[in-house]
PDB file of N, CA and C in Angstrom:
ATOM      1  N   MET A   1       0.728  -0.802   0.164  1.00  0.00           N
ATOM      2  CA  MET A   1      -0.283  -0.314   0.366  1.00  0.00           C
ATOM      3  C   MET A   1       0.815   1.100  -0.264  1.00  0.00           C
ATOM      4  N   LYS A   2       0.558   2.895  -1.096  1.00  0.00           N
ATOM      5  CA  LYS A   2       0.598   4.029  -0.483  1.00  0.00           C
ATOM      6  C   LYS A   2       0.844   4.350   0.719  1.00  0.00           C
ATOM      7  N   ILE A   3       1.703   5.270   1.020  1.00  0.00           N
ATOM      8  CA  ILE A   3       0.888   5.675   2.475  1.00  0.00           C
ATOM      9  C   ILE A   3       0.982   8.065   2.288  1.00  0.00           C
ATOM     10  N   THR A   4       0.498   7.631   2.469  1.00  0.00           N
ATOM     11  CA  THR A   4      -0.195   9.272   1.391  1.00  0.00           C
ATOM     12  C   THR A   4       0.383  10.509   2.477  1.00  0.00           C
ATOM     13  N   PRO A   5       0.502  11.231   1.434  1.00  0.00           N
ATOM     14  CA  PRO A   5       0.978  13.209   2.797  1.00  0.00           C
ATOM     15  C   PRO A   5      -0.419  12.854   4.378  1.00  0.00           C
ATOM     16  N   GLU A   6      -1.924  12.482   3.749  1.00  0.00           N
ATOM     17  CA  GLU A   6      -3.592  12.542   4.662  1.00  0.00           C
ATOM     18  C   GLU A   6      -2.528  11.238   6.025  1.00  0.00           C
ATOM     19  N   HIS A   7      -2.569  10.427   4.800  1.00  0.00           N
ATOM     20  CA  HIS A   7      -1.446   9.217   5.732  1.00  0.00           C
ATOM     21  C   HIS A   7      -0.815   9.717   7.234  1.00  0.00           C
ATOM     22  N   ASN A   8       0.309   9.573   6.982  1.00  0.00           N
ATOM     23  CA  ASN A   8       1.936  10.338   7.941  1.00  0.00           C
ATOM     24  C   ASN A   8       0.678  11.958   8.881  1.00  0.00           C
ATOM     25  N   GLU A   9       0.146  12.689   8.763  1.00  0.00           N
ATOM     26  CA  GLU A   9      -0.330  13.775   8.863  1.00  0.00           C
ATOM     27  C   GLU A   9      -1.797  12.511  10.356  1.00  0.00           C
ATOM     28  N   ARG A  10      -2.513  12.528  10.293  1.00  0.00           N
ATOM     29  CA  ARG A  10      -3.250  11.382  10.681  1.00  0.00           C
ATOM     30  C   ARG A  10      -2.344  10.928  11.467  1.00  0.00           C
ATOM     31  N   ILE A  11      -0.761  10.617  11.315  1.00  0.00           N
ATOM     32  CA  ILE A  11      -0.896   9.233  12.740  1.00  0.00           C
ATOM     33  C   ILE A  11       0.441  10.911  13.717  1.00  0.00           C
ATOM     34  N   ALA A  12      -0.057  11.028  12.630  1.00  0.00           N
ATOM     35  CA  ALA A  12       1.686  12.758  13.565  1.00  0.00           C
ATOM     36  C   ALA A  12       0.490  13.689  14.563  1.00  0.00           C
ATOM     37  N   LYS A  13      -1.464  13.428  14.144  1.00  0.00           N
ATOM     38  CA  LYS A  13      -2.349  13.977  14.918  1.00  0.00           C
ATOM     39  C   LYS A  13      -2.569  13.632  16.431  1.00  0.00           C
ATOM     40  N   MET A  14      -2.372  11.888  15.411  1.00  0.00           N
ATOM     41  CA  MET A  14      -3.746  10.813  17.078  1.00  0.00           C
ATOM     42  C   MET A  14      -2.877  10.852  18.124  1.00  0.00           C
ATOM     43  N   THR A  15      -3.748  11.277  19.714  1.00  0.00           N
ATOM     44  CA  THR A  15      -2.783  11.142  20.466  1.00  0.00           C
ATOM     45  C   THR A  15      -2.812   9.829  21.020  1.00  0.00           C
ATOM     46  N   PHE A  16      -1.503   8.894  21.688  1.00  0.00           N
ATOM     47  CA  PHE A  16      -0.833   8.058  22.014  1.00  0.00           C
ATOM     48  C   PHE A  16      -2.317   7.428  23.315  1.00  0.00           C
ATOM     49  N   ALA A  17      -2.623   8.760  23.700  1.00  0.00           N
ATOM     50  CA  ALA A  17      -3.216   8.103  24.272  1.00  0.00           C
ATOM     51  C   ALA A  17      -4.050   7.760  23.779  1.00  0.00           C
ATOM     52  N   SER A  18      -5.215   7.875  22.800  1.00  0.00           N
ATOM     53  CA  SER A  18      -5.900   7.416  22.051  1.00  0.00           C
ATOM     54  C   SER A  18      -5.743   5.645  21.673  1.00  0.00           C
ATOM     55  N   VAL A  19      -4.904   5.701  21.633  1.00  0.00           N
ATOM     56  CA  VAL A  19      -4.421   4.288  21.321  1.00  0.00           C
ATOM     57  C   VAL A  19      -3.937   3.121  22.225  1.00  0.00           C
ATOM     58  N   TYR A  20      -3.013   3.985  23.427  1.00  0.00           N
ATOM     59  CA  TYR A  20      -2.602   3.032  23.839  1.00  0.00           C
ATOM     60  C   TYR A  20      -3.635   1.824  25.034  1.00  0.00           C
ATOM     61  N   PRO A  21      -4.705   2.084  24.829  1.00  0.00           N
ATOM     62  CA  PRO A  21      -5.359   1.323  26.071  1.00  0.00           C
ATOM     63  C   PRO A  21      -5.742   0.411  24.773  1.00  0.00           C
ATOM     64  N   HIS A  22      -5.968   0.298  23.517  1.00  0.00           N
ATOM     65  CA  HIS A  22      -5.860  -0.527  22.679  1.00  0.00           C
ATOM     66  C   HIS A  22      -5.012  -1.123  22.036  1.00  0.00           C
ATOM     67  N   TYR A  23      -3.802  -1.229  22.404  1.00  0.00           N
ATOM     68  CA  TYR A  23      -3.055  -1.532  22.834  1.00  0.00           C
ATOM     69  C   TYR A  23      -2.436  -2.915  23.952  1.00  0.00           C
ATOM     70  N   VAL A  24      -2.929  -2.288  25.446  1.00  0.00           N
ATOM     71  CA  VAL A  24      -3.544  -3.056  26.741  1.00  0.00           C
ATOM     72  C   VAL A  24      -4.385  -4.374  26.221  1.00  0.00           C
ATOM     73  N   THR A  25      -5.302  -3.445  25.556  1.00  0.00           N
ATOM     74  CA  THR A  25      -6.407  -4.621  25.448  1.00  0.00           C
ATOM     75  C   THR A  25      -6.205  -5.654  24.051  1.00  0.00           C
ATOM     76  N   LYS A  26      -5.373  -5.262  23.277  1.00  0.00           N
ATOM     77  CA  LYS A  26      -5.123  -6.552  22.276  1.00  0.00           C
ATOM     78  C   LYS A  26      -4.022  -7.193  22.167  1.00  0.00           C
ATOM     79  N   ILE A  27      -2.923  -6.810  24.193  1.00  0.00           N
ATOM     80  CA  ILE A  27      -2.633  -8.010  24.119  1.00  0.00           C
ATOM     81  C   ILE A  27      -3.405  -8.487  26.160  1.00  0.00           C
ATOM     82  N   GLU A  28      -3.763  -8.459  26.622  1.00  0.00           N
ATOM     83  CA  GLU A  28      -4.098  -8.963  27.740  1.00  0.00           C
ATOM     84  C   GLU A  28      -4.748  -9.527  27.090  1.00  0.00           C
ATOM     85  N   ARG A  29      -5.603  -9.417  25.743  1.00  0.00           N
ATOM     86  CA  ARG A  29      -6.884 -11.236  25.449  1.00  0.00           C
ATOM     87  C   ARG A  29      -5.905 -11.481  24.596  1.00  0.00           C
ATOM     88  N   LYS A  30      -4.603 -11.786  25.214  1.00  0.00           N
ATOM     89  CA  LYS A  30      -3.704 -12.828  24.785  1.00  0.00           C
ATOM     90  C   LYS A  30      -2.861 -13.320  25.502  1.00  0.00           C
ATOM     91  N   GLY A  31      -3.698 -13.224  26.834  1.00  0.00           N
ATOM     92  CA  GLY A  31      -2.169 -13.378  27.995  1.00  0.00           C
ATOM     93  C   GLY A  31      -1.610 -12.524  28.365  1.00  0.00           C
ATOM     94  N   ARG A  32      -0.604 -11.163  27.946  1.00  0.00           N
ATOM     95  CA  ARG A  32      -0.204 -10.694  28.381  1.00  0.00           C
ATOM     96  C   ARG A  32       0.392  -9.680  29.439  1.00  0.00           C
ATOM     97  N   THR A  33       0.760  -9.271  30.428  1.00  0.00           N
ATOM     98  CA  THR A  33       0.750  -8.197  30.356  1.00  0.00           C
ATOM     99  C   THR A  33       1.471  -6.674  30.012  1.00  0.00           C
ATOM    100  N   LYS A  34       0.313  -5.731  31.545  1.00  0.00           N
ATOM    101  CA  LYS A  34       0.649  -4.373  30.633  1.00  0.00           C
ATOM    102  C   LYS A  34       2.176  -3.988  30.895  1.00  0.00           C
ATOM    103  N   GLU A  35       2.596  -5.192  31.862  1.00  0.00           N
ATOM    104  CA  GLU A  35       4.084  -4.788  32.292  1.00  0.00           C
ATOM    105  C   GLU A  35       4.848  -5.308  31.593  1.00  0.00           C
ATOM    106  N   GLU A  36       4.540  -6.190  30.765  1.00  0.00           N
ATOM    107  CA  GLU A  36       5.124  -6.679  29.734  1.00  0.00           C
ATOM    108  C   GLU A  36       5.291  -5.817  28.220  1.00  0.00           C
ATOM    109  N   LEU A  37       4.003  -4.802  28.194  1.00  0.00           N
ATOM    110  CA  LEU A  37       3.467  -4.042  27.170  1.00  0.00           C
ATOM    111  C   LEU A  37       4.802  -3.214  26.941  1.00  0.00           C
ATOM    112  N   HIS A  38       4.872  -2.458  28.371  1.00  0.00           N
ATOM    113  CA  HIS A  38       6.107  -0.861  29.109  1.00  0.00           C
ATOM    114  C   HIS A  38       7.745  -1.443  28.283  1.00  0.00           C
ATOM    115  N   GLN A  39       7.616  -3.047  29.235  1.00  0.00           N
ATOM    116  CA  GLN A  39       9.058  -3.242  29.064  1.00  0.00           C
ATOM    117  C   GLN A  39       9.390  -3.388  26.783  1.00  0.00           C
ATOM    118  N   VAL A  40       8.541  -3.199  26.354  1.00  0.00           N
ATOM    119  CA  VAL A  40       8.226  -3.304  24.956  1.00  0.00           C
ATOM    120  C   VAL A  40       8.731  -1.794  24.230  1.00  0.00           C
ATOM    121  N   ILE A  41       7.790  -1.133  25.009  1.00  0.00           N
ATOM    122  CA  ILE A  41       7.584   0.331  25.193  1.00  0.00           C
ATOM    123  C   ILE A  41       8.397   0.773  25.401  1.00  0.00           C
ATOM    124  N   LYS A  42       8.994   0.558  26.548  1.00  0.00           N
ATOM    125  CA  LYS A  42      10.873   0.866  27.587  1.00  0.00           C
ATOM    126  C   LYS A  42      12.115   0.520  26.312  1.00  0.00           C
ATOM    127  N   TRP A  43      11.878  -0.622  25.954  1.00  0.00           N
ATOM    128  CA  TRP A  43      13.262  -0.546  25.770  1.00  0.00           C
ATOM    129  C   TRP A  43      12.822   0.222  23.784  1.00  0.00           C
ATOM    130  N   LEU A  44      12.121   0.226  22.717  1.00  0.00           N
ATOM    131  CA  LEU A  44      11.270   0.889  21.723  1.00  0.00           C
ATOM    132  C   LEU A  44      11.755   2.913  22.602  1.00  0.00           C
ATOM    133  N   THR A  45      11.695   3.489  23.636  1.00  0.00           N
ATOM    134  CA  THR A  45      11.327   4.164  23.939  1.00  0.00           C
ATOM    135  C   THR A  45      12.225   5.372  24.366  1.00  0.00           C
ATOM    136  N   ASP A  46      12.604   4.490  24.730  1.00  0.00           N
ATOM    137  CA  ASP A  46      13.711   4.665  26.256  1.00  0.00           C
ATOM    138  C   ASP A  46      12.486   5.094  27.569  1.00  0.00           C
ATOM    139  N   PHE A  47      11.086   5.584  27.631  1.00  0.00           N
ATOM    140  CA  PHE A  47      10.177   5.897  28.449  1.00  0.00           C
ATOM    141  C   PHE A  47      10.564   5.288  29.472  1.00  0.00           C
ATOM    142  N   ASP A  48      10.174   5.741  31.258  1.00  0.00           N
ATOM    143  CA  ASP A  48       9.999   4.575  31.733  1.00  0.00           C
ATOM    144  C   ASP A  48       8.888   5.100  32.712  1.00  0.00           C
ATOM    145  N   ASN A  49       8.641   4.123  33.537  1.00  0.00           N
ATOM    146  CA  ASN A  49       6.178   3.491  33.610  1.00  0.00           C
ATOM    147  C   ASN A  49       5.573   5.522  33.196  1.00  0.00           C
ATOM    148  N   GLU A  50       6.350   6.301  34.250  1.00  0.00           N
ATOM    149  CA  GLU A  50       5.911   7.346  34.993  1.00  0.00           C
ATOM    150  C   GLU A  50       6.567   8.697  33.608  1.00  0.00           C
ATOM    151  N   LYS A  51       7.182   8.427  33.138  1.00  0.00           N
ATOM    152  CA  LYS A  51       7.439   9.245  32.078  1.00  0.00           C
ATOM    153  C   LYS A  51       5.741   8.943  30.873  1.00  0.00           C
ATOM    154  N   LEU A  52       5.635   7.734  30.437  1.00  0.00           N
ATOM    155  CA  LEU A  52       4.708   7.514  29.359  1.00  0.00           C
ATOM    156  C   LEU A  52       3.779   7.182  30.033  1.00  0.00           C
ATOM    157  N   GLN A  53       3.472   7.348  31.857  1.00  0.00           N
ATOM    158  CA  GLN A  53       1.949   7.866  32.591  1.00  0.00           C
ATOM    159  C   GLN A  53       1.790   9.382  32.289  1.00  0.00           C
ATOM    160  N   GLU A  54       2.531  10.083  32.309  1.00  0.00           N
ATOM    161  CA  GLU A  54       3.294  11.243  32.247  1.00  0.00           C
ATOM    162  C   GLU A  54       2.334  12.239  30.468  1.00  0.00           C
ATOM    163  N   LEU A  55       2.932  10.534  29.953  1.00  0.00           N
ATOM    164  CA  LEU A  55       2.670  11.538  28.313  1.00  0.00           C
ATOM    165  C   LEU A  55       0.977  10.964  28.200  1.00  0.00           C
ATOM    166  N   ILE A  56       0.902  10.079  28.274  1.00  0.00           N
ATOM    167  CA  ILE A  56      -1.307  10.227  28.532  1.00  0.00           C
ATOM    168  C   ILE A  56      -1.457  10.645  28.760  1.00  0.00           C
ATOM    169  N   ASP A  57      -1.182  10.688  30.226  1.00  0.00           N
ATOM    170  CA  ASP A  57      -1.906  11.584  31.080  1.00  0.00           C
ATOM    171  C   ASP A  57      -1.982  13.452  29.678  1.00  0.00           C
ATOM    172  N   LYS A  58      -1.228  13.512  28.902  1.00  0.00           N
ATOM    173  CA  LYS A  58      -1.087  15.487  29.077  1.00  0.00           C
ATOM    174  C   LYS A  58      -1.672  15.030  27.502  1.00  0.00           C
ATOM    175  N   LYS A  59      -1.898  13.853  27.029  1.00  0.00           N
ATOM    176  CA  LYS A  59      -2.313  13.471  26.012  1.00  0.00           C
ATOM    177  C   LYS A  59      -1.928  14.105  23.977  1.00  0.00           C
ATOM    178  N   VAL A  60      -0.218  13.449  24.541  1.00  0.00           N
ATOM    179  CA  VAL A  60       0.765  13.842  23.337  1.00  0.00           C
ATOM    180  C   VAL A  60       0.238  13.167  22.414  1.00  0.00           C
ATOM    181  N   THR A  61       0.210  13.432  20.972  1.00  0.00           N
ATOM    182  CA  THR A  61       0.214  13.350  19.793  1.00  0.00           C
ATOM    183  C   THR A  61       1.105  12.739  19.433  1.00  0.00           C
ATOM    184  N   PHE A  62       1.095  12.208  18.557  1.00  0.00           N
ATOM    185  CA  PHE A  62       2.711  10.836  18.230  1.00  0.00           C
ATOM    186  C   PHE A  62       3.141  12.017  17.481  1.00  0.00           C
ATOM    187  N   GLU A  63       3.778  12.935  17.442  1.00  0.00           N
ATOM    188  CA  GLU A  63       5.015  13.470  16.518  1.00  0.00           C
ATOM    189  C   GLU A  63       5.597  13.796  18.467  1.00  0.00           C
ATOM    190  N   THR A  64       4.796  14.178  18.731  1.00  0.00           N
ATOM    191  CA  THR A  64       5.786  14.157  20.750  1.00  0.00           C
ATOM    192  C   THR A  64       6.571  13.442  20.667  1.00  0.00           C
ATOM    193  N   PHE A  65       5.655  12.922  20.780  1.00  0.00           N
ATOM    194  CA  PHE A  65       5.092  11.177  21.695  1.00  0.00           C
ATOM    195  C   PHE A  65       6.965  11.186  20.954  1.00  0.00           C
ATOM    196  N   PHE A  66       7.553  10.433  19.913  1.00  0.00           N
ATOM    197  CA  PHE A  66       8.708  10.886  19.307  1.00  0.00           C
ATOM    198  C   PHE A  66       9.237  11.465  18.622  1.00  0.00           C
ATOM    199  N   LYS A  67       9.040  12.243  19.242  1.00  0.00           N
ATOM    200  CA  LYS A  67       9.767  13.802  19.706  1.00  0.00           C
ATOM    201  C   LYS A  67      11.158  13.380  20.435  1.00  0.00           C
ATOM    202  N   THR A  68       9.753  13.043  21.226  1.00  0.00           N
ATOM    203  CA  THR A  68      10.584  13.701  22.824  1.00  0.00           C
ATOM    204  C   THR A  68      11.599  11.895  23.327  1.00  0.00           C
ATOM    205  N   ALA A  69      11.090  10.858  22.018  1.00  0.00           N
ATOM    206  CA  ALA A  69      11.650   9.103  22.829  1.00  0.00           C
ATOM    207  C   ALA A  69      13.196   9.805  22.627  1.00  0.00           C
ATOM    208  N   LYS A  70      13.912   8.352  22.987  1.00  0.00           N
ATOM    209  CA  LYS A  70      14.977   8.496  22.823  1.00  0.00           C
ATOM    210  C   LYS A  70      14.989   7.473  22.093  1.00  0.00           C
ATOM    211  N   LEU A  71      14.741   7.379  20.183  1.00  0.00           N
ATOM    212  CA  LEU A  71      14.994   5.079  19.821  1.00  0.00           C
ATOM    213  C   LEU A  71      15.871   4.282  20.071  1.00  0.00           C
ATOM    214  N   ASN A  72      15.395   3.735  20.694  1.00  0.00           N
ATOM    215  CA  ASN A  72      16.083   2.498  20.400  1.00  0.00           C
ATOM    216  C   ASN A  72      16.898   2.366  18.957  1.00  0.00           C
ATOM    217  N   PRO A  73      19.073   2.446  18.593  1.00  0.00           N
ATOM    218  CA  PRO A  73      19.336   2.170  17.937  1.00  0.00           C
ATOM    219  C   PRO A  73      18.932   0.451  17.486  1.00  0.00           C
ATOM    220  N   LYS A  74      18.469   0.165  18.293  1.00  0.00           N
ATOM    221  CA  LYS A  74      18.237  -1.363  17.129  1.00  0.00           C
ATOM    222  C   LYS A  74      17.020  -1.226  16.549  1.00  0.00           C
ATOM    223  N   ALA A  75      15.804  -0.234  15.866  1.00  0.00           N
ATOM    224  CA  ALA A  75      14.743  -0.245  16.136  1.00  0.00           C
ATOM    225  C   ALA A  75      14.742  -0.672  13.811  1.00  0.00           C
ATOM    226  N   GLU A  76      15.633  -0.591  13.903  1.00  0.00           N
ATOM    227  CA  GLU A  76      15.728  -0.323  12.304  1.00  0.00           C
ATOM    228  C   GLU A  76      15.796  -2.140  12.010  1.00  0.00           C
ATOM    229  N   LEU A  77      16.213  -2.799  13.250  1.00  0.00           N
ATOM    230  CA  LEU A  77      16.015  -4.284  12.616  1.00  0.00           C
ATOM    231  C   LEU A  77      13.735  -4.907  12.814  1.00  0.00           C
ATOM    232  N   ILE A  78      13.498  -3.734  13.311  1.00  0.00           N
ATOM    233  CA  ILE A  78      11.763  -4.115  13.456  1.00  0.00           C
ATOM    234  C   ILE A  78      11.421  -4.226  11.211  1.00  0.00           C
ATOM    235  N   THR A  79      11.233  -5.223  11.696  1.00  0.00           N
ATOM    236  CA  THR A  79      11.061  -5.452   9.270  1.00  0.00           C
ATOM    237  C   THR A  79       9.474  -5.778   9.580  1.00  0.00           C
ATOM    238  N   GLY A  80       9.358  -6.126   8.690  1.00  0.00           N
ATOM    239  CA  GLY A  80       7.471  -7.228   8.274  1.00  0.00           C
ATOM    240  C   GLY A  80       6.495  -5.994   7.599  1.00  0.00           C
ATOM    241  N   VAL A  81       4.930  -6.476   8.133  1.00  0.00           N
ATOM    242  CA  VAL A  81       3.554  -6.596   6.479  1.00  0.00           C
ATOM    243  C   VAL A  81       3.109  -5.092   8.544  1.00  0.00           C
ATOM    244  N   ILE A  82       3.221  -4.678   8.389  1.00  0.00           N
ATOM    245  CA  ILE A  82       1.493  -4.127   9.722  1.00  0.00           C
ATOM    246  C   ILE A  82       0.631  -2.985   8.981  1.00  0.00           C
ATOM    247  N   CYS A  83      -0.553  -3.363   8.911  1.00  0.00           N
ATOM    248  CA  CYS A  83      -1.377  -3.028   9.196  1.00  0.00           C
ATOM    249  C   CYS A  83      -1.446  -2.766   7.657  1.00  0.00           C
ATOM    250  N   GLY A  84      -0.619  -4.193   6.857  1.00  0.00           N
ATOM    251  CA  GLY A  84      -1.099  -3.365   5.375  1.00  0.00           C
ATOM    252  C   GLY A  84       1.392  -2.600   5.159  1.00  0.00           C
ATOM    253  N   TYR A  85       1.330  -1.960   5.445  1.00  0.00           N
ATOM    254  CA  TYR A  85       1.900  -1.508   5.201  1.00  0.00           C
ATOM    255  C   TYR A  85       3.463  -2.245   5.659  1.00  0.00           C
ATOM    256  N   ARG A  86       4.656  -2.059   4.437  1.00  0.00           N
ATOM    257  CA  ARG A  86       5.947  -2.987   4.682  1.00  0.00           C
ATOM    258  C   ARG A  86       6.522  -1.707   5.452  1.00  0.00           C
ATOM    259  N   ILE A  87       6.865  -1.529   6.783  1.00  0.00           N
ATOM    260  CA  ILE A  87       7.962  -1.287   6.916  1.00  0.00           C
ATOM    261  C   ILE A  87       9.063  -0.527   6.960  1.00  0.00           C
ATOM    262  N   GLU A  88      10.724  -1.112   6.284  1.00  0.00           N
ATOM    263  CA  GLU A  88      10.804  -1.707   5.664  1.00  0.00           C
ATOM    264  C   GLU A  88      10.875  -0.487   4.047  1.00  0.00           C
ATOM    265  N   GLU A  89       9.797   0.243   3.750  1.00  0.00           N
ATOM    266  CA  GLU A  89       9.522   0.918   2.735  1.00  0.00           C
ATOM    267  C   GLU A  89       8.673   1.797   3.724  1.00  0.00           C
ATOM    268  N   ILE A  90       8.548   1.911   4.253  1.00  0.00           N
ATOM    269  CA  ILE A  90       7.634   4.055   4.867  1.00  0.00           C
ATOM    270  C   ILE A  90       8.814   4.792   4.710  1.00  0.00           C
ATOM    271  N   GLU A  91       9.085   6.136   4.910  1.00  0.00           N
ATOM    272  CA  GLU A  91       9.992   6.987   4.739  1.00  0.00           C
ATOM    273  C   GLU A  91       9.871   7.836   5.425  1.00  0.00           C
ATOM    274  N   ASN A  92       8.222   8.238   5.662  1.00  0.00           N
ATOM    275  CA  ASN A  92       8.045   8.873   6.502  1.00  0.00           C
ATOM    276  C   ASN A  92       8.735   8.940   7.815  1.00  0.00           C
ATOM    277  N   PRO A  93       9.612   8.915   8.532  1.00  0.00           N
ATOM    278  CA  PRO A  93      10.298   8.448  10.017  1.00  0.00           C
ATOM    279  C   PRO A  93       8.851   8.724  11.170  1.00  0.00           C
ATOM    280  N   LEU A  94       8.636   9.711  11.190  1.00  0.00           N
ATOM    281  CA  LEU A  94       7.248   9.323  12.636  1.00  0.00           C
ATOM    282  C   LEU A  94       6.068   7.770  12.403  1.00  0.00           C
ATOM    283  N   THR A  95       5.504   8.200  11.045  1.00  0.00           N
ATOM    284  CA  THR A  95       4.766   6.981  10.110  1.00  0.00           C
ATOM    285  C   THR A  95       6.050   6.150  10.924  1.00  0.00           C
ATOM    286  N   LYS A  96       6.397   5.450   9.628  1.00  0.00           N
ATOM    287  CA  LYS A  96       7.627   4.527  10.380  1.00  0.00           C
ATOM    288  C   LYS A  96       8.171   4.380  11.667  1.00  0.00           C
ATOM    289  N   GLN A  97       8.328   4.928  12.343  1.00  0.00           N
ATOM    290  CA  GLN A  97       8.594   5.096  14.099  1.00  0.00           C
ATOM    291  C   GLN A  97       6.842   4.337  14.835  1.00  0.00           C
ATOM    292  N   ALA A  98       5.705   5.096  14.113  1.00  0.00           N
ATOM    293  CA  ALA A  98       4.160   4.231  15.299  1.00  0.00           C
ATOM    294  C   ALA A  98       4.366   2.436  14.429  1.00  0.00           C
ATOM    295  N   ARG A  99       4.846   2.783  13.971  1.00  0.00           N
ATOM    296  CA  ARG A  99       4.562   1.146  12.958  1.00  0.00           C
ATOM    297  C   ARG A  99       5.485   0.465  13.649  1.00  0.00           C
ATOM    298  N   TYR A 100       6.395   0.628  14.009  1.00  0.00           N
ATOM    299  CA  TYR A 100       7.636  -0.186  14.468  1.00  0.00           C
ATOM    300  C   TYR A 100       6.864  -0.328  16.103  1.00  0.00           C
ATOM    301  N   LEU A 101       6.055   1.111  16.463  1.00  0.00           N
ATOM    302  CA  LEU A 101       5.917   0.632  17.580  1.00  0.00           C
ATOM    303  C   LEU A 101       4.648  -0.587  17.943  1.00  0.00           C
ATOM    304  N   ASP A 102       3.410  -0.377  16.882  1.00  0.00           N
ATOM    305  CA  ASP A 102       2.484  -1.132  16.268  1.00  0.00           C
ATOM    306  C   ASP A 102       3.608  -3.060  16.211  1.00  0.00           C
ATOM    307  N   LYS A 103       3.841  -3.067  15.372  1.00  0.00           N
ATOM    308  CA  LYS A 103       4.826  -4.167  14.879  1.00  0.00           C
ATOM    309  C   LYS A 103       5.071  -4.321  16.688  1.00  0.00           C
ATOM    310  N   LEU A 104       5.362  -4.401  17.197  1.00  0.00           N
ATOM    311  CA  LEU A 104       5.922  -4.521  18.560  1.00  0.00           C
ATOM    312  C   LEU A 104       5.012  -4.931  19.371  1.00  0.00           C
ATOM    313  N   VAL A 105       4.495  -3.520  19.298  1.00  0.00           N
ATOM    314  CA  VAL A 105       2.532  -4.356  19.916  1.00  0.00           C
ATOM    315  C   VAL A 105       1.885  -6.041  19.237  1.00  0.00           C
ATOM    316  N   ASP A 106       2.329  -5.938  18.058  1.00  0.00           N
ATOM    317  CA  ASP A 106       1.286  -6.957  17.047  1.00  0.00           C
ATOM    318  C   ASP A 106       2.406  -8.690  18.047  1.00  0.00           C
ATOM    319  N   GLU A 107       2.995  -8.099  17.835  1.00  0.00           N
ATOM    320  CA  GLU A 107       4.086  -9.180  17.830  1.00  0.00           C
ATOM    321  C   GLU A 107       4.190  -9.916  19.314  1.00  0.00           C
ATOM    322  N   LEU A 108       3.709  -8.987  20.921  1.00  0.00           N
ATOM    323  CA  LEU A 108       3.522  -9.516  22.152  1.00  0.00           C
ATOM    324  C   LEU A 108       2.564  -9.834  21.605  1.00  0.00           C
ATOM    325  N   ALA A 109       1.599  -9.486  21.339  1.00  0.00           N
ATOM    326  CA  ALA A 109      -0.435  -9.737  21.193  1.00  0.00           C
ATOM    327  C   ALA A 109       0.710 -11.779  20.689  1.00  0.00           C
ATOM    328  N   LYS A 110       1.194 -11.522  19.477  1.00  0.00           N
ATOM    329  CA  LYS A 110       0.848 -12.935  19.142  1.00  0.00           C
ATOM    330  C   LYS A 110       1.706 -14.455  19.915  1.00  0.00           C
ATOM    331  N   GLY A 111       2.565 -13.487  21.005  1.00  0.00           N
ATOM    332  CA  GLY A 111       3.209 -14.729  21.895  1.00  0.00           C
ATOM    333  C   GLY A 111       4.534 -14.921  21.301  1.00  0.00           C
ATOM    334  N   ARG A 112       4.901 -13.997  20.498  1.00  0.00           N
ATOM    335  CA  ARG A 112       6.508 -14.160  20.522  1.00  0.00           C
ATOM    336  C   ARG A 112       6.835 -13.660  21.524  1.00  0.00           C
ATOM    337  N   LYS A 113       8.621 -14.206  22.248  1.00  0.00           N
ATOM    338  CA  LYS A 113       9.109 -14.614  23.611  1.00  0.00           C
ATOM    339  C   LYS A 113       9.672 -13.047  22.940  1.00  0.00           C
ATOM    340  N   ILE A 114       9.993 -12.405  24.810  1.00  0.00           N
ATOM    341  CA  ILE A 114       9.979 -10.881  24.737  1.00  0.00           C
ATOM    342  C   ILE A 114      11.705 -11.068  24.684  1.00  0.00           C
ATOM    343  N   GLU A 115      12.061 -11.144  24.464  1.00  0.00           N
ATOM    344  CA  GLU A 115      14.017 -11.435  23.930  1.00  0.00           C
ATOM    345  C   GLU A 115      14.664 -11.805  22.117  1.00  0.00           C
ATOM    346  N   LYS A 116      12.584 -11.959  21.627  1.00  0.00           N
ATOM    347  CA  LYS A 116      12.705 -11.555  20.095  1.00  0.00           C
ATOM    348  C   LYS A 116      12.233 -10.046  19.964  1.00  0.00           C
ATOM    349  N   ILE A 117      11.617 -10.147  20.334  1.00  0.00           N
ATOM    350  CA  ILE A 117      10.369  -9.213  20.152  1.00  0.00           C
ATOM    351  C   ILE A 117      11.289  -7.714  20.293  1.00  0.00           C
ATOM    352  N   LEU A 118      12.233  -7.761  21.570  1.00  0.00           N
ATOM    353  CA  LEU A 118      13.784  -6.797  21.355  1.00  0.00           C
ATOM    354  C   LEU A 118      14.746  -6.574  20.743  1.00  0.00           C
ATOM    355  N   ARG A 119      15.007  -7.741  19.506  1.00  0.00           N
ATOM    356  CA  ARG A 119      15.950  -7.763  19.648  1.00  0.00           C
ATOM    357  C   ARG A 119      17.315  -8.121  19.616  1.00  0.00           C
ATOM    358  N   SER A 120      17.063  -8.464  21.121  1.00  0.00           N
ATOM    359  CA  SER A 120      19.169  -9.017  21.615  1.00  0.00           C
ATOM    360  C   SER A 120      19.207 -10.175  21.020  1.00  0.00           C
TER     361      SER A 120
END
């Protein structure tokens, strides 16, 4: 699928707080824990639980969320298809970062081992 400028803008303006409950629901429905989700988010962004909660409470956009993040250098090892898009072909950095997070949450929900998710 081709990513449009409108798609990139929609991702940038979406709040992390609006998506986070869906992440929690998805992984808990599959028997994973919120702690595991936070571990995966911390690996990608370097946000501890306190910072994550602060960003949720402030209802920051994905644009602000990822501008604030210290992205893990191994994030570029996250490849594959998520939401119909091949991650390694996404050109917009913010959209790519949001899809990194989606992919990690998806892998967690699918039961992949944490060590594999964290590309260790």
